[in-house]
Amino acid sequence: MADTHEASVAQSLVAKIVSSYVRKNRIAPADMSALINTVHQLLMALTKQAEPQLERTPAVPIRRSVTRDYVICLECGWAGKTLRRHLQSSHGLSRDEPDGGCPPNIP
């Protein structure tokens, strides 16, 4: 039942989008089916559910991760003087990676 409702909604949206596009733009009759298929495929791609992000919890409370004698890795709980080598060797993170490395202001 839900699939037929989703299909009818998708068909009506495709019809509205294509009719609005054709009203404003010239298109050859032979290209009409390609336009309809393209719009339909794009709408179906938009309706797919995104994978949920897993909620990550730190190994230790953030306030306790920095002490006078050592710092603690929030990923695994490793304690040491510096995290740079540990993050690169154990977790595969580096400063050069735009998303996975340390922020640029941290030495």
N, C-alpha and C. Protein backbone atom coordinates (compact mmCIF):
# COMPACT_ATOMS: atom_id res chain seq x y z
N MET A 1 0.82 -1.19 0.00
CA MET A 1 0.00 0.00 0.00
C MET A 1 0.87 1.26 0.00
N ALA A 2 1.90 1.27 0.83
CA ALA A 2 2.75 2.45 0.92
C ALA A 2 3.54 2.65 -0.37
N ASP A 3 3.94 1.54 -1.01
CA ASP A 3 4.70 1.66 -2.25
C ASP A 3 3.86 2.28 -3.36
N THR A 4 2.59 1.91 -3.45
CA THR A 4 1.74 2.48 -4.49
C THR A 4 1.49 3.97 -4.22
N HIS A 5 1.35 4.33 -2.95
CA HIS A 5 1.16 5.74 -2.61
C HIS A 5 2.41 6.54 -2.95
N GLU A 6 3.61 6.00 -2.61
CA GLU A 6 4.85 6.68 -2.93
C GLU A 6 5.04 6.80 -4.44
N ALA A 7 4.65 5.75 -5.17
CA ALA A 7 4.79 5.78 -6.62
C ALA A 7 3.87 6.84 -7.23
N SER A 8 2.64 6.95 -6.71
CA SER A 8 1.72 7.96 -7.25
C SER A 8 2.19 9.37 -6.91
N VAL A 9 2.75 9.55 -5.72
CA VAL A 9 3.29 10.86 -5.35
C VAL A 9 4.47 11.20 -6.25
N ALA A 10 5.35 10.21 -6.48
CA ALA A 10 6.51 10.44 -7.34
C ALA A 10 6.07 10.77 -8.76
N GLN A 11 5.06 10.07 -9.27
CA GLN A 11 4.56 10.34 -10.61
C GLN A 11 3.99 11.75 -10.71
N SER A 12 3.24 12.17 -9.70
CA SER A 12 2.66 13.51 -9.76
C SER A 12 3.76 14.58 -9.66
N LEU A 13 4.79 14.34 -8.84
CA LEU A 13 5.89 15.29 -8.75
C LEU A 13 6.66 15.36 -10.06
N VAL A 14 6.90 14.21 -10.68
CA VAL A 14 7.61 14.19 -11.96
C VAL A 14 6.80 14.95 -13.00
N ALA A 15 5.50 14.74 -13.00
CA ALA A 15 4.64 15.43 -13.97
C ALA A 15 4.69 16.95 -13.76
N LYS A 16 4.65 17.39 -12.50
CA LYS A 16 4.69 18.83 -12.22
C LYS A 16 6.03 19.43 -12.62
N ILE A 17 7.11 18.73 -12.29
CA ILE A 17 8.44 19.26 -12.60
C ILE A 17 8.66 19.33 -14.10
N VAL A 18 8.30 18.25 -14.80
CA VAL A 18 8.52 18.21 -16.25
C VAL A 18 7.63 19.24 -16.95
N SER A 19 6.39 19.35 -16.52
CA SER A 19 5.50 20.32 -17.17
C SER A 19 5.98 21.76 -16.94
N SER A 20 6.48 22.05 -15.76
CA SER A 20 7.02 23.39 -15.49
C SER A 20 8.26 23.65 -16.34
N TYR A 21 9.10 22.65 -16.48
CA TYR A 21 10.31 22.81 -17.27
C TYR A 21 9.97 23.03 -18.74
N VAL A 22 9.03 22.24 -19.26
CA VAL A 22 8.66 22.33 -20.68
C VAL A 22 7.96 23.66 -20.97
N ARG A 23 7.24 24.18 -19.99
CA ARG A 23 6.57 25.45 -20.16
C ARG A 23 7.58 26.59 -20.38
N LYS A 24 8.71 26.54 -19.73
CA LYS A 24 9.70 27.61 -19.80
C LYS A 24 10.81 27.36 -20.83
N ASN A 25 11.03 26.10 -21.23
CA ASN A 25 12.14 25.75 -22.12
C ASN A 25 11.63 24.98 -23.32
N ARG A 26 12.33 25.11 -24.42
CA ARG A 26 12.01 24.34 -25.62
C ARG A 26 12.72 23.01 -25.53
N ILE A 27 12.01 21.95 -25.85
CA ILE A 27 12.59 20.61 -25.82
C ILE A 27 12.00 19.82 -26.99
N ALA A 28 12.84 19.03 -27.63
CA ALA A 28 12.38 18.23 -28.76
C ALA A 28 11.51 17.09 -28.23
N PRO A 29 10.48 16.71 -28.99
CA PRO A 29 9.62 15.60 -28.55
C PRO A 29 10.39 14.30 -28.34
N ALA A 30 11.45 14.08 -29.08
CA ALA A 30 12.23 12.86 -28.92
C ALA A 30 12.99 12.84 -27.60
N ASP A 31 13.28 14.01 -27.03
CA ASP A 31 14.02 14.10 -25.77
C ASP A 31 13.12 14.08 -24.54
N MET A 32 11.81 14.04 -24.76
CA MET A 32 10.87 14.09 -23.63
C MET A 32 11.00 12.88 -22.71
N SER A 33 11.15 11.69 -23.27
CA SER A 33 11.24 10.50 -22.43
C SER A 33 12.53 10.50 -21.60
N ALA A 34 13.62 10.99 -22.16
CA ALA A 34 14.87 11.07 -21.40
C ALA A 34 14.73 12.06 -20.25
N LEU A 35 14.05 13.17 -20.50
CA LEU A 35 13.82 14.16 -19.44
C LEU A 35 12.99 13.56 -18.31
N ILE A 36 11.93 12.85 -18.66
CA ILE A 36 11.06 12.24 -17.65
C ILE A 36 11.84 11.20 -16.84
N ASN A 37 12.63 10.37 -17.52
CA ASN A 37 13.41 9.35 -16.81
C ASN A 37 14.44 9.99 -15.89
N THR A 38 15.09 11.04 -16.35
CA THR A 38 16.10 11.70 -15.53
C THR A 38 15.48 12.30 -14.27
N VAL A 39 14.36 12.98 -14.43
CA VAL A 39 13.69 13.59 -13.27
C VAL A 39 13.23 12.51 -12.31
N HIS A 40 12.69 11.42 -12.83
CA HIS A 40 12.21 10.34 -11.97
C HIS A 40 13.37 9.71 -11.20
N GLN A 41 14.48 9.46 -11.86
CA GLN A 41 15.63 8.86 -11.18
C GLN A 41 16.18 9.79 -10.10
N LEU A 42 16.22 11.08 -10.37
CA LEU A 42 16.70 12.02 -9.37
C LEU A 42 15.78 12.10 -8.16
N LEU A 43 14.48 12.06 -8.40
CA LEU A 43 13.54 12.07 -7.27
C LEU A 43 13.66 10.80 -6.44
N MET A 44 13.85 9.66 -7.09
CA MET A 44 14.00 8.41 -6.35
C MET A 44 15.30 8.41 -5.54
N ALA A 45 16.34 9.02 -6.08
CA ALA A 45 17.61 9.11 -5.35
C ALA A 45 17.46 10.00 -4.12
N LEU A 46 16.63 11.04 -4.21
CA LEU A 46 16.42 11.93 -3.08
C LEU A 46 15.59 11.29 -1.98
N THR A 47 14.72 10.36 -2.33
CA THR A 47 13.85 9.75 -1.33
C THR A 47 14.52 8.64 -0.54
N LYS A 48 15.68 8.17 -0.99
CA LYS A 48 16.37 7.12 -0.24
C LYS A 48 16.83 7.67 1.11
N GLN A 49 16.71 6.84 2.12
CA GLN A 49 17.10 7.24 3.47
C GLN A 49 18.62 7.31 3.59
N ALA A 50 19.11 8.32 4.23
CA ALA A 50 20.54 8.43 4.50
C ALA A 50 20.89 7.51 5.66
N GLU A 51 22.10 6.99 5.66
CA GLU A 51 22.52 6.11 6.74
C GLU A 51 22.63 6.92 8.02
N PRO A 52 22.06 6.40 9.11
CA PRO A 52 22.13 7.15 10.36
C PRO A 52 23.55 7.17 10.90
N GLN A 53 23.93 8.31 11.45
CA GLN A 53 25.24 8.45 12.05
C GLN A 53 25.24 7.77 13.42
N LEU A 54 26.26 6.97 13.67
CA LEU A 54 26.38 6.35 14.97
C LEU A 54 26.83 7.40 15.98
N GLU A 55 26.19 7.39 17.13
CA GLU A 55 26.56 8.35 18.14
C GLU A 55 27.82 7.87 18.84
N ARG A 56 28.84 8.70 18.78
CA ARG A 56 30.12 8.32 19.35
C ARG A 56 30.25 8.92 20.74
N THR A 57 30.71 8.10 21.67
CA THR A 57 30.94 8.58 23.02
C THR A 57 32.43 8.52 23.31
N PRO A 58 32.97 9.51 24.01
CA PRO A 58 34.41 9.49 24.31
C PRO A 58 34.74 8.40 25.33
N ALA A 59 35.98 7.93 25.28
CA ALA A 59 36.43 6.88 26.21
C ALA A 59 36.48 7.40 27.64
N VAL A 60 36.77 8.67 27.81
CA VAL A 60 36.81 9.30 29.13
C VAL A 60 36.05 10.62 29.02
N PRO A 61 35.61 11.18 30.15
CA PRO A 61 34.99 12.50 30.08
C PRO A 61 35.99 13.53 29.53
N ILE A 62 35.52 14.46 28.76
CA ILE A 62 36.39 15.42 28.09
C ILE A 62 37.18 16.25 29.10
N ARG A 63 36.59 16.61 30.21
CA ARG A 63 37.29 17.41 31.22
C ARG A 63 38.47 16.65 31.82
N ARG A 64 38.42 15.34 31.83
CA ARG A 64 39.51 14.54 32.39
C ARG A 64 40.54 14.11 31.34
N SER A 65 40.38 14.54 30.10
CA SER A 65 41.29 14.08 29.06
C SER A 65 42.62 14.82 29.06
N VAL A 66 42.70 15.96 29.70
CA VAL A 66 43.95 16.71 29.77
C VAL A 66 44.32 16.90 31.24
N THR A 67 45.48 16.38 31.60
CA THR A 67 46.00 16.56 32.96
C THR A 67 47.38 17.19 32.87
N ARG A 68 47.97 17.41 34.00
CA ARG A 68 49.30 18.03 34.04
C ARG A 68 50.36 17.10 33.45
N ASP A 69 50.24 15.80 33.66
CA ASP A 69 51.26 14.84 33.25
C ASP A 69 51.01 14.16 31.91
N TYR A 70 49.77 14.09 31.45
CA TYR A 70 49.47 13.37 30.21
C TYR A 70 48.15 13.84 29.63
N VAL A 71 47.93 13.44 28.37
CA VAL A 71 46.65 13.65 27.70
C VAL A 71 46.08 12.28 27.36
N ILE A 72 44.78 12.19 27.30
CA ILE A 72 44.11 10.92 27.05
C ILE A 72 43.39 11.00 25.71
N CYS A 73 43.56 9.96 24.91
CA CYS A 73 42.87 9.87 23.62
C CYS A 73 41.38 9.62 23.87
N LEU A 74 40.54 10.43 23.28
CA LEU A 74 39.10 10.27 23.46
C LEU A 74 38.55 9.07 22.71
N GLU A 75 39.27 8.59 21.70
CA GLU A 75 38.82 7.43 20.93
C GLU A 75 38.98 6.12 21.71
N CYS A 76 40.18 5.92 22.29
CA CYS A 76 40.47 4.61 22.89
C CYS A 76 40.88 4.67 24.35
N GLY A 77 41.18 5.85 24.88
CA GLY A 77 41.57 5.97 26.28
C GLY A 77 43.06 5.89 26.52
N TRP A 78 43.89 5.83 25.48
CA TRP A 78 45.35 5.78 25.63
C TRP A 78 45.83 7.07 26.27
N ALA A 79 46.75 6.95 27.23
CA ALA A 79 47.31 8.12 27.91
C ALA A 79 48.78 8.25 27.56
N GLY A 80 49.22 9.45 27.22
CA GLY A 80 50.62 9.69 26.88
C GLY A 80 50.93 11.18 26.90
N LYS A 81 52.18 11.50 26.59
CA LYS A 81 52.62 12.90 26.61
C LYS A 81 52.04 13.69 25.43
N THR A 82 52.05 13.10 24.22
CA THR A 82 51.48 13.77 23.04
C THR A 82 50.61 12.78 22.29
N LEU A 83 49.64 13.30 21.59
CA LEU A 83 48.71 12.44 20.86
C LEU A 83 49.04 12.31 19.38
N ARG A 84 49.91 13.14 18.85
CA ARG A 84 50.12 13.19 17.41
C ARG A 84 50.53 11.83 16.85
N ARG A 85 51.56 11.20 17.40
CA ARG A 85 52.03 9.92 16.89
C ARG A 85 50.98 8.82 17.13
N HIS A 86 50.35 8.84 18.29
CA HIS A 86 49.33 7.84 18.61
C HIS A 86 48.16 7.91 17.62
N LEU A 87 47.69 9.11 17.33
CA LEU A 87 46.56 9.25 16.40
C LEU A 87 46.92 8.77 15.01
N GLN A 88 48.16 9.00 14.59
CA GLN A 88 48.57 8.58 13.26
C GLN A 88 48.76 7.07 13.20
N SER A 89 49.42 6.48 14.19
CA SER A 89 49.72 5.05 14.12
C SER A 89 48.53 4.18 14.50
N SER A 90 47.78 4.56 15.51
CA SER A 90 46.68 3.70 15.99
C SER A 90 45.36 3.94 15.27
N HIS A 91 45.10 5.19 14.90
CA HIS A 91 43.79 5.52 14.32
C HIS A 91 43.86 5.95 12.86
N GLY A 92 45.06 6.07 12.31
CA GLY A 92 45.21 6.42 10.90
C GLY A 92 44.86 7.86 10.58
N LEU A 93 44.93 8.75 11.56
CA LEU A 93 44.61 10.16 11.34
C LEU A 93 45.89 10.95 11.14
N SER A 94 45.82 11.98 10.31
CA SER A 94 46.97 12.85 10.11
C SER A 94 46.50 14.29 9.99
N ARG A 95 47.44 15.22 10.10
CA ARG A 95 47.10 16.62 9.99
C ARG A 95 46.73 17.01 8.57
N ASP A 96 47.20 16.25 7.58
CA ASP A 96 46.97 16.60 6.19
C ASP A 96 45.55 16.30 5.73
N GLU A 97 44.84 15.43 6.43
CA GLU A 97 43.48 15.08 6.04
C GLU A 97 42.54 16.22 6.41
N PRO A 98 41.66 16.63 5.50
CA PRO A 98 40.80 17.76 5.80
C PRO A 98 39.76 17.46 6.88
N ASP A 99 39.25 16.23 6.95
CA ASP A 99 38.19 15.93 7.91
C ASP A 99 38.70 15.17 9.13
N GLY A 100 39.75 14.36 8.96
CA GLY A 100 40.14 13.48 10.03
C GLY A 100 41.28 13.95 10.88
N GLY A 101 41.98 14.97 10.48
CA GLY A 101 43.17 15.39 11.22
C GLY A 101 42.86 16.42 12.28
N CYS A 102 43.90 16.88 12.90
CA CYS A 102 43.78 17.92 13.92
C CYS A 102 43.43 19.24 13.24
N PRO A 103 42.74 20.12 13.93
CA PRO A 103 42.50 21.45 13.36
C PRO A 103 43.82 22.16 13.15
N PRO A 104 43.90 23.08 12.20
CA PRO A 104 45.16 23.72 11.86
C PRO A 104 45.78 24.54 12.99
N ASN A 105 45.01 25.01 13.97
CA ASN A 105 45.57 25.85 15.00
C ASN A 105 46.19 25.05 16.14
N ILE A 106 46.08 23.73 16.13
CA ILE A 106 46.67 22.91 17.18
C ILE A 106 48.02 22.40 16.69
N PRO A 107 49.11 22.68 17.42
CA PRO A 107 50.44 22.25 16.96
C PRO A 107 50.65 20.77 17.12
